[in-house]
C-alpha atoms as a PDB file:
ATOM      1  CA  MET A   1     156.487 153.158  27.359  1.00  0.00           C
ATOM      2  CA  LEU A   2     157.466 151.992  24.375  1.00  0.00           C
ATOM      3  CA  THR A   3     157.901 154.901  21.525  1.00  0.00           C
ATOM      4  CA  LEU A   4     157.571 154.554  17.595  1.00  0.00           C
ATOM      5  CA  SER A   5     160.349 155.787  15.899  1.00  0.00           C
ATOM      6  CA  ASP A   6     161.743 154.962  11.986  1.00  0.00           C
ATOM      7  CA  ILE A   7     159.568 152.853   9.971  1.00  0.00           C
ATOM      8  CA  THR A   8     161.345 150.874   6.655  1.00  0.00           C
ATOM      9  CA  ALA A   9     158.779 149.515   4.725  1.00  0.00           C
ATOM     10  CA  ARG A  10     158.760 147.664   0.641  1.00  0.00           C
ATOM     11  CA  ASN A  11     156.803 149.327  -2.440  1.00  0.00           C
ATOM     12  CA  VAL A  12     155.072 146.164  -3.562  1.00  0.00           C
ATOM     13  CA  GLU A  13     154.766 147.557  -7.209  1.00  0.00           C
ATOM     14  CA  SER A  14     158.181 149.631  -7.430  1.00  0.00           C
ATOM     15  CA  ASN A  15     160.145 147.153  -5.393  1.00  0.00           C
ATOM     16  CA  LYS A  16     162.055 150.142  -3.853  1.00  0.00           C
ATOM     17  CA  THR A  17     162.166 150.994  -0.246  1.00  0.00           C
ATOM     18  CA  ILE A  18     160.286 153.363   1.567  1.00  0.00           C
ATOM     19  CA  SER A  19     161.653 155.306   5.033  1.00  0.00           C
ATOM     20  CA  LEU A  20     159.381 157.070   7.555  1.00  0.00           C
ATOM     21  CA  VAL A  21     159.882 158.794  10.517  1.00  0.00           C
ATOM     22  CA  SER A  22     157.305 159.189  13.430  1.00  0.00           C
ATOM     23  CA  ASP A  23     157.093 160.757  16.845  1.00  0.00           C
ATOM     24  CA  LEU A  24     154.294 158.548  17.561  1.00  0.00           C
ATOM     25  CA  ASP A  25     154.184 157.331  21.162  1.00  0.00           C
ATOM     26  CA  SER A  26     152.685 154.272  21.822  1.00  0.00           C
ATOM     27  CA  VAL A  27     150.821 153.064  25.361  1.00  0.00           C
ATOM     28  CA  GLU A  28     152.811 153.393  28.526  1.00  0.00           C
ATOM     29  CA  PHE A  29     152.985 149.536  30.113  1.00  0.00           C
ATOM     30  CA  THR A  30     153.666 148.367  33.316  1.00  0.00           C
ATOM     31  CA  PHE A  31     155.658 145.425  34.047  1.00  0.00           C
ATOM     32  CA  ALA A  32     154.806 144.327  37.378  1.00  0.00           C
ATOM     33  CA  GLU A  33     156.616 142.129  39.869  1.00  0.00           C
ATOM     34  CA  GLN A  34     155.150 139.735  42.004  1.00  0.00           C
ATOM     35  CA  GLY A  35     154.010 141.075  45.723  1.00  0.00           C
ATOM     36  CA  THR A  36     155.330 140.892  48.761  1.00  0.00           C
ATOM     37  CA  LEU A  37     154.174 138.790  52.079  1.00  0.00           C
ATOM     38  CA  ALA A  38     154.498 140.089  55.757  1.00  0.00           C
ATOM     39  CA  VAL A  39     153.853 137.930  58.140  1.00  0.00           C
ATOM     40  CA  THR A  40     153.408 139.244  62.124  1.00  0.00           C
ATOM     41  CA  SER A  41     152.160 138.228  65.243  1.00  0.00           C
ATOM     42  CA  ASN A  42     149.109 139.125  66.427  1.00  0.00           C
ATOM     43  CA  SER A  43     148.543 141.007  70.207  1.00  0.00           C
ATOM     44  CA  SER A  44     145.123 138.937  70.535  1.00  0.00           C
ATOM     45  CA  THR A  45     147.064 135.132  70.434  1.00  0.00           C
ATOM     46  CA  ARG A  46     146.262 132.970  73.731  1.00  0.00           C
ATOM     47  CA  ASP A  47     148.518 133.424  76.510  1.00  0.00           C
ATOM     48  CA  SER A  48     150.327 130.332  77.983  1.00  0.00           C
ATOM     49  CA  ALA A  49     147.190 127.876  79.172  1.00  0.00           C
ATOM     50  CA  ILE A  50     146.513 124.292  80.263  1.00  0.00           C
ATOM     51  CA  VAL A  51     144.750 122.855  77.698  1.00  0.00           C
ATOM     52  CA  THR A  52     142.788 119.858  78.415  1.00  0.00           C
ATOM     53  CA  PRO A  53     140.788 116.963  75.646  1.00  0.00           C
ATOM     54  CA  SER A  54     137.660 118.106  74.859  1.00  0.00           C
ATOM     55  CA  ASP A  55     135.374 118.000  72.090  1.00  0.00           C
ATOM     56  CA  SER A  56     135.480 121.501  71.829  1.00  0.00           C
ATOM     57  CA  GLU A  57     138.338 123.383  69.561  1.00  0.00           C
ATOM     58  CA  ILE A  58     139.900 126.495  71.186  1.00  0.00           C
ATOM     59  CA  ASP A  59     142.137 128.717  70.228  1.00  0.00           C
ATOM     60  CA  VAL A  60     146.072 128.271  70.320  1.00  0.00           C
ATOM     61  CA  PHE A  61     147.777 130.568  67.916  1.00  0.00           C
ATOM     62  CA  THR A  62     147.057 133.327  65.993  1.00  0.00           C
ATOM     63  CA  PHE A  63     148.674 135.467  63.535  1.00  0.00           C
ATOM     64  CA  ASP A  64     148.913 138.218  60.704  1.00  0.00           C
ATOM     65  CA  LEU A  65     149.165 138.368  56.943  1.00  0.00           C
ATOM     66  CA  GLU A  66     149.529 141.083  55.081  1.00  0.00           C
ATOM     67  CA  ALA A  67     150.084 141.579  51.263  1.00  0.00           C
ATOM     68  CA  SER A  68     151.744 144.676  49.678  1.00  0.00           C
ATOM     69  CA  ASP A  69     152.212 145.333  46.179  1.00  0.00           C
ATOM     70  CA  ASP A  70     149.757 142.590  44.848  1.00  0.00           C
ATOM     71  CA  VAL A  71     146.770 140.567  45.342  1.00  0.00           C
ATOM     72  CA  LEU A  72     148.196 136.968  46.473  1.00  0.00           C
ATOM     73  CA  LYS A  73     146.289 133.133  47.336  1.00  0.00           C
ATOM     74  CA  LEU A  74     147.164 131.051  50.087  1.00  0.00           C
ATOM     75  CA  THR A  75     146.398 127.265  49.132  1.00  0.00           C
ATOM     76  CA  ASP A  76     148.861 125.445  52.042  1.00  0.00           C
ATOM     77  CA  LEU A  77     150.009 126.212  55.130  1.00  0.00           C
ATOM     78  CA  TYR A  78     151.726 124.310  57.548  1.00  0.00           C
ATOM     79  CA  ILE A  79     151.780 124.801  61.208  1.00  0.00           C
ATOM     80  CA  THR A  80     154.790 122.884  63.132  1.00  0.00           C
ATOM     81  CA  GLN A  81     155.884 122.401  66.696  1.00  0.00           C
ATOM     82  CA  SER A  82     158.843 125.041  67.250  1.00  0.00           C
ATOM     83  CA  GLY A  83     162.104 123.938  65.750  1.00  0.00           C
ATOM     84  CA  THR A  84     160.776 121.446  63.609  1.00  0.00           C
ATOM     85  CA  THR A  85     161.707 121.057  60.007  1.00  0.00           C
ATOM     86  CA  ALA A  86     160.694 118.035  58.375  1.00  0.00           C
ATOM     87  CA  TYR A  87     157.304 116.598  57.838  1.00  0.00           C
ATOM     88  CA  ASP A  88     157.339 113.395  59.236  1.00  0.00           C
ATOM     89  CA  ALA A  89     159.494 114.188  62.342  1.00  0.00           C
ATOM     90  CA  THR A  90     159.168 112.058  65.422  1.00  0.00           C
ATOM     91  CA  PRO A  91     158.922 114.555  68.792  1.00  0.00           C
ATOM     92  CA  ALA A  92     161.689 114.627  70.921  1.00  0.00           C
ATOM     93  CA  ALA A  93     160.653 112.695  74.219  1.00  0.00           C
ATOM     94  CA  ASP A  94     159.271 115.752  76.325  1.00  0.00           C
ATOM     95  CA  ARG A  95     158.024 117.362  73.000  1.00  0.00           C
ATOM     96  CA  LEU A  96     153.467 116.494  72.553  1.00  0.00           C
ATOM     97  CA  ASP A  97     153.022 113.974  69.363  1.00  0.00           C
ATOM     98  CA  LEU A  98     150.389 116.010  67.817  1.00  0.00           C
ATOM     99  CA  SER A  99     148.921 113.098  66.220  1.00  0.00           C
ATOM    100  CA  ASN A 100     148.269 111.536  68.962  1.00  0.00           C
ATOM    101  CA  ALA A 101     146.789 114.198  71.212  1.00  0.00           C
ATOM    102  CA  VAL A 102     145.195 116.327  68.478  1.00  0.00           C
ATOM    103  CA  ARG A 103     141.507 115.251  68.336  1.00  0.00           C
ATOM    104  CA  SER A 104     140.592 117.758  65.555  1.00  0.00           C
ATOM    105  CA  ALA A 105     142.071 120.849  63.817  1.00  0.00           C
ATOM    106  CA  SER A 106     141.259 124.210  62.076  1.00  0.00           C
ATOM    107  CA  LEU A 107     141.515 127.674  60.977  1.00  0.00           C
ATOM    108  CA  VAL A 108     139.302 130.609  61.178  1.00  0.00           C
ATOM    109  CA  ILE A 109     140.769 133.037  58.711  1.00  0.00           C
ATOM    110  CA  ASN A 110     138.198 135.808  58.242  1.00  0.00           C
ATOM    111  CA  GLY A 111     135.826 134.374  58.841  1.00  0.00           C
ATOM    112  CA  ARG A 112     135.789 131.636  56.950  1.00  0.00           C
ATOM    113  CA  THR A 113     136.658 127.624  58.629  1.00  0.00           C
ATOM    114  CA  ILE A 114     138.826 125.782  56.840  1.00  0.00           C
ATOM    115  CA  ASP A 115     138.933 122.147  58.057  1.00  0.00           C
ATOM    116  CA  GLY A 116     140.402 119.034  57.099  1.00  0.00           C
ATOM    117  CA  ALA A 117     143.753 119.221  58.544  1.00  0.00           C
ATOM    118  CA  ILE A 118     146.473 116.258  58.148  1.00  0.00           C
ATOM    119  CA  VAL A 119     147.960 115.909  61.438  1.00  0.00           C
ATOM    120  CA  SER A 120     151.917 113.971  61.704  1.00  0.00           C
ATOM    121  CA  ALA A 121     153.944 114.185  65.038  1.00  0.00           C
ATOM    122  CA  ASP A 122     154.343 117.459  64.882  1.00  0.00           C
ATOM    123  CA  THR A 123     153.598 118.889  61.865  1.00  0.00           C
ATOM    124  CA  LEU A 124     149.574 120.340  61.004  1.00  0.00           C
ATOM    125  CA  TYR A 125     148.896 120.133  57.138  1.00  0.00           C
ATOM    126  CA  PHE A 126     145.832 121.988  56.361  1.00  0.00           C
ATOM    127  CA  PRO A 127     145.909 121.574  52.016  1.00  0.00           C
ATOM    128  CA  ILE A 128     143.845 124.715  51.500  1.00  0.00           C
ATOM    129  CA  GLY A 129     143.840 124.172  47.218  1.00  0.00           C
ATOM    130  CA  ASN A 130     144.248 126.178  44.026  1.00  0.00           C
ATOM    131  CA  THR A 131     140.269 126.445  43.295  1.00  0.00           C
ATOM    132  CA  SER A 132     139.653 127.787  46.960  1.00  0.00           C
ATOM    133  CA  PRO A 133     142.392 129.696  48.173  1.00  0.00           C
ATOM    134  CA  VAL A 134     142.430 132.122  50.831  1.00  0.00           C
ATOM    135  CA  VAL A 135     142.454 135.484  48.893  1.00  0.00           C
ATOM    136  CA  LEU A 136     145.018 138.151  50.086  1.00  0.00           C
ATOM    137  CA  GLU A 137     144.081 141.714  48.821  1.00  0.00           C
ATOM    138  CA  LYS A 138     147.028 144.224  48.576  1.00  0.00           C
ATOM    139  CA  GLU A 139     147.503 146.312  51.604  1.00  0.00           C
ATOM    140  CA  GLU A 140     144.911 144.722  54.299  1.00  0.00           C
ATOM    141  CA  ILE A 141     145.611 142.351  57.276  1.00  0.00           C
ATOM    142  CA  VAL A 142     144.198 138.854  57.115  1.00  0.00           C
ATOM    143  CA  GLU A 143     144.024 137.556  61.102  1.00  0.00           C
ATOM    144  CA  VAL A 144     144.660 133.591  61.180  1.00  0.00           C
ATOM    145  CA  GLU A 145     143.577 132.082  63.855  1.00  0.00           C
ATOM    146  CA  VAL A 146     144.692 128.064  64.626  1.00  0.00           C
ATOM    147  CA  ARG A 147     142.661 125.976  66.591  1.00  0.00           C
ATOM    148  CA  LEU A 148     142.322 122.465  68.110  1.00  0.00           C
ATOM    149  CA  SER A 149     140.663 119.964  70.149  1.00  0.00           C
ATOM    150  CA  PHE A 150     142.206 117.449  72.045  1.00  0.00           C
ATOM    151  CA  ASN A 151     141.861 113.763  72.907  1.00  0.00           C
ATOM    152  CA  ASP A 152     141.948 111.382  75.908  1.00  0.00           C
ATOM    153  CA  SER A 153     143.651 108.403  76.745  1.00  0.00           C
ATOM    154  CA  THR A 154     145.442 106.048  79.474  1.00  0.00           C
ATOM    155  CA  THR A 155     148.359 106.319  78.256  1.00  0.00           C
ATOM    156  CA  ARG A 156     148.957 110.209  77.211  1.00  0.00           C
ATOM    157  CA  GLU A 157     151.137 111.795  79.558  1.00  0.00           C
ATOM    158  CA  SER A 158     151.257 115.738  80.104  1.00  0.00           C
ATOM    159  CA  ALA A 159     153.575 117.767  77.403  1.00  0.00           C
ATOM    160  CA  GLU A 160     154.268 121.289  76.649  1.00  0.00           C
ATOM    161  CA  PHE A 161     154.030 122.590  72.905  1.00  0.00           C
ATOM    162  CA  GLN A 162     154.818 125.758  70.906  1.00  0.00           C
ATOM    163  CA  LEU A 163     153.594 126.273  67.414  1.00  0.00           C
ATOM    164  CA  THR A 164     154.916 128.062  64.775  1.00  0.00           C
ATOM    165  CA  ILE A 165     154.858 128.578  60.654  1.00  0.00           C
ATOM    166  CA  GLY A 166     157.484 125.969  58.741  1.00  0.00           C
ATOM    167  CA  ASP A 167     160.324 128.115  59.219  1.00  0.00           C
ATOM    168  CA  GLY A 168     163.617 128.413  57.200  1.00  0.00           C
ATOM    169  CA  GLY A 169     164.329 125.291  54.575  1.00  0.00           C
ATOM    170  CA  TYR A 170     161.147 123.062  56.155  1.00  0.00           C
ATOM    171  CA  THR A 171     160.072 121.355  53.209  1.00  0.00           C
ATOM    172  CA  GLY A 172     156.349 119.639  52.683  1.00  0.00           C
ATOM    173  CA  VAL A 173     154.818 117.536  50.822  1.00  0.00           C
ATOM    174  CA  VAL A 174     153.482 120.084  48.188  1.00  0.00           C
ATOM    175  CA  ASN A 175     155.595 121.500  46.009  1.00  0.00           C
ATOM    176  CA  GLY A 176     156.441 125.090  45.927  1.00  0.00           C
ATOM    177  CA  SER A 177     156.113 125.168  49.936  1.00  0.00           C
ATOM    178  CA  GLU A 178     158.428 128.085  51.261  1.00  0.00           C
ATOM    179  CA  ASN A 179     159.208 128.612  54.867  1.00  0.00           C
ATOM    180  CA  GLY A 180     155.758 126.560  55.530  1.00  0.00           C
ATOM    181  CA  MET A 181     153.487 128.339  53.592  1.00  0.00           C
ATOM    182  CA  ARG A 182     152.762 128.050  49.156  1.00  0.00           C
ATOM    183  CA  VAL A 183     151.499 131.463  48.458  1.00  0.00           C
ATOM    184  CA  VAL A 184     150.556 132.513  44.568  1.00  0.00           C
ATOM    185  CA  SER A 185     150.717 136.153  43.251  1.00  0.00           C
ATOM    186  CA  GLU A 186     147.864 136.850  41.017  1.00  0.00           C
ATOM    187  CA  SER A 187     149.309 139.211  38.891  1.00  0.00           C
ATOM    188  CA  THR A 188     152.366 137.229  37.452  1.00  0.00           C
ATOM    189  CA  GLY A 189     150.839 132.895  38.493  1.00  0.00           C
ATOM    190  CA  LEU A 190     154.686 132.242  40.177  1.00  0.00           C
ATOM    191  CA  ILE A 191     155.646 131.239  43.815  1.00  0.00           C
ATOM    192  CA  VAL A 192     155.724 133.881  46.424  1.00  0.00           C
ATOM    193  CA  ASP A 193     158.891 133.397  48.492  1.00  0.00           C
ATOM    194  CA  ASN A 194     160.264 136.744  49.289  1.00  0.00           C
ATOM    195  CA  TYR A 195     159.262 136.409  53.005  1.00  0.00           C
ATOM    196  CA  THR A 196     160.597 135.501  56.355  1.00  0.00           C
ATOM    197  CA  ILE A 197     158.547 133.978  59.343  1.00  0.00           C
ATOM    198  CA  ASP A 198     158.929 134.991  63.096  1.00  0.00           C
ATOM    199  CA  VAL A 199     156.332 134.008  64.680  1.00  0.00           C
ATOM    200  CA  GLU A 200     155.028 131.242  67.268  1.00  0.00           C
ATOM    201  CA  SER A 201     152.378 130.982  70.249  1.00  0.00           C
ATOM    202  CA  ASP A 202     153.215 130.839  73.895  1.00  0.00           C
ATOM    203  CA  ALA A 203     154.306 127.771  75.363  1.00  0.00           C
ATOM    204  CA  HIS A 204     150.982 125.263  76.038  1.00  0.00           C
ATOM    205  CA  LEU A 205     151.024 122.418  78.457  1.00  0.00           C
ATOM    206  CA  TYR A 206     148.494 119.850  77.367  1.00  0.00           C
ATOM    207  CA  SER A 207     147.202 117.836  80.495  1.00  0.00           C
ATOM    208  CA  ARG A 208     144.499 115.380  80.939  1.00  0.00           C
ATOM    209  CA  GLY A 209     142.996 117.421  84.140  1.00  0.00           C
ATOM    210  CA  SER A 210     143.861 120.914  85.063  1.00  0.00           C
ATOM    211  CA  VAL A 211     143.130 123.731  88.421  1.00  0.00           C
ATOM    212  CA  VAL A 212     141.953 126.881  88.492  1.00  0.00           C
ATOM    213  CA  ALA A 213     142.486 128.527  91.893  1.00  0.00           C
ATOM    214  CA  THR A 214     141.281 131.587  93.518  1.00  0.00           C
ATOM    215  CA  ILE A 215     142.170 133.727  96.909  1.00  0.00           C
ATOM    216  CA  GLY A 216     139.883 133.979  99.643  1.00  0.00           C
ATOM    217  CA  ALA A 217     139.384 135.923 102.429  1.00  0.00           C
ATOM    218  CA  ALA A 218     141.964 136.792 104.900  1.00  0.00           C
ATOM    219  CA  THR A 219     141.953 137.183 108.725  1.00  0.00           C
ATOM    220  CA  LEU A 220     144.639 138.093 111.872  1.00  0.00           C
ATOM    221  CA  SER A 221     144.700 133.722 111.691  1.00  0.00           C
ATOM    222  CA  THR A 222     143.271 132.536 108.546  1.00  0.00           C
ATOM    223  CA  GLN A 223     143.753 132.862 104.550  1.00  0.00           C
ATOM    224  CA  LYS A 224     141.019 130.944 102.695  1.00  0.00           C
ATOM    225  CA  PHE A 225     142.112 129.836  98.751  1.00  0.00           C
ATOM    226  CA  THR A 226     139.492 127.868  96.694  1.00  0.00           C
ATOM    227  CA  VAL A 227     140.808 125.104  93.798  1.00  0.00           C
ATOM    228  CA  SER A 228     138.394 124.514  91.293  1.00  0.00           C
ATOM    229  CA  ALA A 229     138.593 121.130  89.071  1.00  0.00           C
ATOM    230  CA  ASP A 230     138.611 121.317  85.401  1.00  0.00           C
ATOM    231  CA  SER A 231     135.288 118.822  83.415  1.00  0.00           C
ATOM    232  CA  ASN A 232     137.581 116.520  81.894  1.00  0.00           C
ATOM    233  CA  ARG A 233     139.491 114.113  84.849  1.00  0.00           C
ATOM    234  CA  ARG A 234     139.725 114.128  88.750  1.00  0.00           C
ATOM    235  CA  VAL A 235     142.722 115.961  89.976  1.00  0.00           C
ATOM    236  CA  ASP A 236     144.756 115.218  93.002  1.00  0.00           C
ATOM    237  CA  LEU A 237     146.178 117.928  94.652  1.00  0.00           C
ATOM    238  CA  ASP A 238     150.135 117.088  95.689  1.00  0.00           C
ATOM    239  CA  SER A 239     151.023 120.593  97.381  1.00  0.00           C
ATOM    240  CA  VAL A 240     149.826 124.635  97.216  1.00  0.00           C
ATOM    241  CA  THR A 241     152.532 127.439  97.488  1.00  0.00           C
ATOM    242  CA  PHE A 242     152.004 131.486  98.558  1.00  0.00           C
ATOM    243  CA  ASP A 243     153.746 133.853  98.118  1.00  0.00           C
ATOM    244  CA  TYR A 244     154.406 135.352 101.872  1.00  0.00           C
ATOM    245  CA  ILE A 245     155.882 139.393 102.647  1.00  0.00           C
ATOM    246  CA  GLY A 246     156.076 140.457 106.315  1.00  0.00           C
ATOM    247  CA  GLN A 247     157.611 138.987 109.441  1.00  0.00           C
ATOM    248  CA  ASP A 248     159.650 136.182 109.537  1.00  0.00           C
ATOM    249  CA  ALA A 249     157.265 133.300 110.597  1.00  0.00           C
ATOM    250  CA  SER A 250     159.324 130.109 109.898  1.00  0.00           C
ATOM    251  CA  SER A 251     158.934 129.232 113.600  1.00  0.00           C
ATOM    252  CA  LEU A 252     155.077 128.817 113.662  1.00  0.00           C
ATOM    253  CA  THR A 253     155.104 126.151 110.688  1.00  0.00           C
ATOM    254  CA  GLY A 254     154.814 123.618 113.244  1.00  0.00           C
ATOM    255  CA  SER A 255     151.591 125.339 114.798  1.00  0.00           C
ATOM    256  CA  MET A 256     149.829 125.839 111.107  1.00  0.00           C
ATOM    257  CA  VAL A 257     146.903 123.749 109.901  1.00  0.00           C
ATOM    258  CA  MET A 258     144.956 123.630 106.476  1.00  0.00           C
ATOM    259  CA  LYS A 259     141.544 122.612 106.781  1.00  0.00           C
ATOM    260  CA  LYS A 260     138.779 121.507 104.166  1.00  0.00           C
ATOM    261  CA  GLY A 261     135.692 122.810 105.799  1.00  0.00           C
ATOM    262  CA  ASN A 262     136.100 121.431 109.418  1.00  0.00           C
ATOM    263  CA  THR A 263     138.131 118.836 108.577  1.00  0.00           C
ATOM    264  CA  THR A 264     141.790 118.978 109.252  1.00  0.00           C
ATOM    265  CA  ILE A 265     144.659 117.779 106.538  1.00  0.00           C
ATOM    266  CA  ASP A 266     147.517 115.618 107.373  1.00  0.00           C
ATOM    267  CA  GLY A 267     150.407 117.290 105.775  1.00  0.00           C
ATOM    268  CA  THR A 268     153.563 119.091 105.971  1.00  0.00           C
ATOM    269  CA  PHE A 269     153.797 123.357 106.242  1.00  0.00           C
ATOM    270  CA  ALA A 270     157.770 124.535 105.308  1.00  0.00           C
ATOM    271  CA  PHE A 271     159.241 127.424 104.232  1.00  0.00           C
ATOM    272  CA  ASN A 272     161.806 128.110 101.864  1.00  0.00           C
ATOM    273  CA  VAL A 273     165.676 129.725 102.490  1.00  0.00           C
ATOM    274  CA  ASP A 274     164.357 133.070 101.868  1.00  0.00           C
ATOM    275  CA  GLY A 275     161.075 133.085 103.901  1.00  0.00           C
ATOM    276  CA  ASP A 276     158.923 134.325 101.012  1.00  0.00           C
ATOM    277  CA  GLU A 277     157.243 131.269  99.932  1.00  0.00           C
ATOM    278  CA  LEU A 278     155.234 128.560 102.227  1.00  0.00           C
ATOM    279  CA  THR A 279     154.197 125.286 101.112  1.00  0.00           C
ATOM    280  CA  PHE A 280     152.084 123.323 102.004  1.00  0.00           C
ATOM    281  CA  THR A 281     152.553 119.557 101.100  1.00  0.00           C
ATOM    282  CA  PHE A 282     149.980 116.688 101.119  1.00  0.00           C
ATOM    283  CA  ASP A 283     150.756 113.605 103.442  1.00  0.00           C
ATOM    284  CA  ASN A 284     147.964 111.882 101.370  1.00  0.00           C
ATOM    285  CA  ALA A 285     146.861 113.985  97.980  1.00  0.00           C
ATOM    286  CA  GLU A 286     143.513 115.639  97.889  1.00  0.00           C
ATOM    287  CA  TYR A 287     141.617 114.600  95.460  1.00  0.00           C
ATOM    288  CA  LEU A 288     138.919 117.277  93.752  1.00  0.00           C
ATOM    289  CA  ASN A 289     136.254 115.618  91.379  1.00  0.00           C
ATOM    290  CA  ALA A 290     135.677 116.201  87.676  1.00  0.00           C
ATOM    291  CA  GLY A 291     134.135 119.783  88.087  1.00  0.00           C
ATOM    292  CA  THR A 292     133.737 120.826  91.206  1.00  0.00           C
ATOM    293  CA  GLN A 293     135.482 122.790  94.137  1.00  0.00           C
ATOM    294  CA  GLN A 294     136.772 123.143  96.944  1.00  0.00           C
ATOM    295  CA  GLU A 295     137.290 126.259  99.501  1.00  0.00           C
ATOM    296  CA  PHE A 296     140.558 125.257 101.967  1.00  0.00           C
ATOM    297  CA  THR A 297     141.558 127.417 104.759  1.00  0.00           C
ATOM    298  CA  VAL A 298     145.498 127.691 106.172  1.00  0.00           C
ATOM    299  CA  GLU A 299     144.894 128.545 110.098  1.00  0.00           C
ATOM    300  CA  LEU A 300     147.943 130.716 110.853  1.00  0.00           C
ATOM    301  CA  PRO A 301     147.898 131.134 114.972  1.00  0.00           C
ATOM    302  CA  GLY A 302     150.829 133.113 116.544  1.00  0.00           C
ATOM    303  CA  LEU A 303     151.283 135.729 113.838  1.00  0.00           C
ATOM    304  CA  SER A 304     150.029 138.466 116.014  1.00  0.00           C
ATOM    305  CA  ASN A 305     152.999 138.190 117.922  1.00  0.00           C
ATOM    306  CA  LEU A 306     155.573 138.473 116.162  1.00  0.00           C
ATOM    307  CA  GLY A 307     157.683 141.538 115.492  1.00  0.00           C
ATOM    308  CA  SER A 308     157.482 145.103 117.847  1.00  0.00           C
ATOM    309  CA  ASP A 309     155.332 147.263 115.771  1.00  0.00           C
ATOM    310  CA  THR A 310     152.879 147.368 113.403  1.00  0.00           C
ATOM    311  CA  TRP A 311     153.405 144.867 110.400  1.00  0.00           C
ATOM    312  CA  THR A 312     151.251 143.842 107.214  1.00  0.00           C
ATOM    313  CA  ARG A 313     151.051 140.225 106.440  1.00  0.00           C
ATOM    314  CA  GLU A 314     150.400 139.847 102.512  1.00  0.00           C
ATOM    315  CA  MET A 315     149.733 136.371 100.754  1.00  0.00           C
ATOM    316  CA  ARG A 316     148.831 134.942  97.309  1.00  0.00           C
ATOM    317  CA  LEU A 317     148.347 131.253  96.159  1.00  0.00           C
ATOM    318  CA  SER A 318     151.332 130.874  93.620  1.00  0.00           C
ATOM    319  CA  ASN A 319     151.455 127.244  92.715  1.00  0.00           C
ATOM    320  CA  ILE A 320     150.383 123.987  92.852  1.00  0.00           C
ATOM    321  CA  VAL A 321     151.522 120.469  91.736  1.00  0.00           C
ATOM    322  CA  PHE A 322     148.957 118.127  90.853  1.00  0.00           C
ATOM    323  CA  SER A 323     148.415 115.386  88.827  1.00  0.00           C
ATOM    324  CA  ASN A 324     145.471 113.274  87.387  1.00  0.00           C
ATOM    325  CA  ASP A 325     143.315 109.682  88.294  1.00  0.00           C
ATOM    326  CA  LEU A 326     144.874 108.313  85.868  1.00  0.00           C
ATOM    327  CA  ASP A 327     148.373 108.630  86.357  1.00  0.00           C
ATOM    328  CA  THR A 328     150.055 109.898  89.617  1.00  0.00           C
ATOM    329  CA  ALA A 329     153.014 110.197  88.408  1.00  0.00           C
ATOM    330  CA  ASP A 330     152.434 112.836  85.959  1.00  0.00           C
ATOM    331  CA  GLN A 331     152.849 115.579  87.694  1.00  0.00           C
ATOM    332  CA  ILE A 332     152.018 119.365  86.928  1.00  0.00           C
ATOM    333  CA  THR A 333     154.907 121.067  89.014  1.00  0.00           C
ATOM    334  CA  ASN A 334     154.520 124.546  87.220  1.00  0.00           C
ATOM    335  CA  THR A 335     151.002 125.326  87.381  1.00  0.00           C
ATOM    336  CA  GLY A 336     151.410 129.154  87.914  1.00  0.00           C
ATOM    337  CA  ASP A 337     153.670 129.829  84.628  1.00  0.00           C
ATOM    338  CA  TYR A 338     149.949 129.260  82.616  1.00  0.00           C
ATOM    339  CA  ASP A 339     147.670 132.316  82.585  1.00  0.00           C
ATOM    340  CA  ASN A 340     144.344 130.085  82.428  1.00  0.00           C
ATOM    341  CA  SER A 341     145.379 128.672  86.184  1.00  0.00           C
ATOM    342  CA  GLY A 342     144.527 131.749  87.994  1.00  0.00           C
ATOM    343  CA  LEU A 343     148.174 131.881  89.565  1.00  0.00           C
ATOM    344  CA  PRO A 344     149.244 133.632  91.290  1.00  0.00           C
ATOM    345  CA  THR A 345     146.402 135.103  92.741  1.00  0.00           C
ATOM    346  CA  ASP A 346     145.865 138.352  93.991  1.00  0.00           C
ATOM    347  CA  TYR A 347     147.540 139.674  97.552  1.00  0.00           C
ATOM    348  CA  ARG A 348     145.525 139.792 100.131  1.00  0.00           C
ATOM    349  CA  SER A 349     146.732 141.312 103.125  1.00  0.00           C
ATOM    350  CA  VAL A 350     145.832 142.075 106.708  1.00  0.00           C
ATOM    351  CA  GLU A 351     147.530 144.522 108.914  1.00  0.00           C
ATOM    352  CA  TYR A 352     148.837 143.890 112.758  1.00  0.00           C
ATOM    353  CA  THR A 353     149.315 146.266 115.398  1.00  0.00           C
ATOM    354  CA  LYS A 354     150.754 146.294 118.953  1.00  0.00           C
END
């Protein structure tokens, strides 16, 4: 607050100095500083998933923005692969080249869709602009959803990717970008830079094909399961693995049989060292055409003769190793790590009584 106190003036006619004393208070002024920005994880962000080529975009990364003590304006946003510090970086051999793989990219912010992303090897740059920025009202949480669709190719192999906002000293092509964003204070017109970012998506896998598994009915001597192929491409099944709980059945693997319908499939059953994983490896890859599904039956003869007391067998499908029709060497070996594979399935239990 400013206060009016002593006043000194000069009389024009007499040329004498006049002094006045005043106790008048002025209007109270508040000098505002720019606000702050919080960038936090959103609980609805997609779990790790296998993503395949398609015309349709899917959400791959969701986070929240919250302005405090000011209205802020988001004009530019850089979404990068985790660990990236340069706009034109060439991805490492085991990283996905976004410029090659991404068909389209958009943001959905409070129901508004923002297209026009500029895609480089490791970065998705959204030039939102000064004329129509994303306005972050004070104390309001704004959800930001990053959506992508992917290209198909005869040469593009599978690769994992994990997204974040350009972190640390990330420098983009727009002056004033800080930590992957350009945010302007409405009260001061200055760039807001007093925020940190520690958010990233789950790890997703780009693949030219994918599978979804479901567990079926169980009897004393059988366990059924079904595998569905993604609509993009044919997949070739190389092996399937079950988690197994029950009596040691390693001596019976030679009599176990895998069937598709009524047809026996050539391959080998084997338990791991601990006896809690049972894997069937196909002699010749079993293929599923795009968009189809197939039910399989594992025949487990002899289990009723195991043990001297009542016991329970529990089995679930935990992993599938598969490839695609374009490149059988491009194997997906950790399908069970991705939430949309259906793996691991629920357990199916059967009780054996003596």
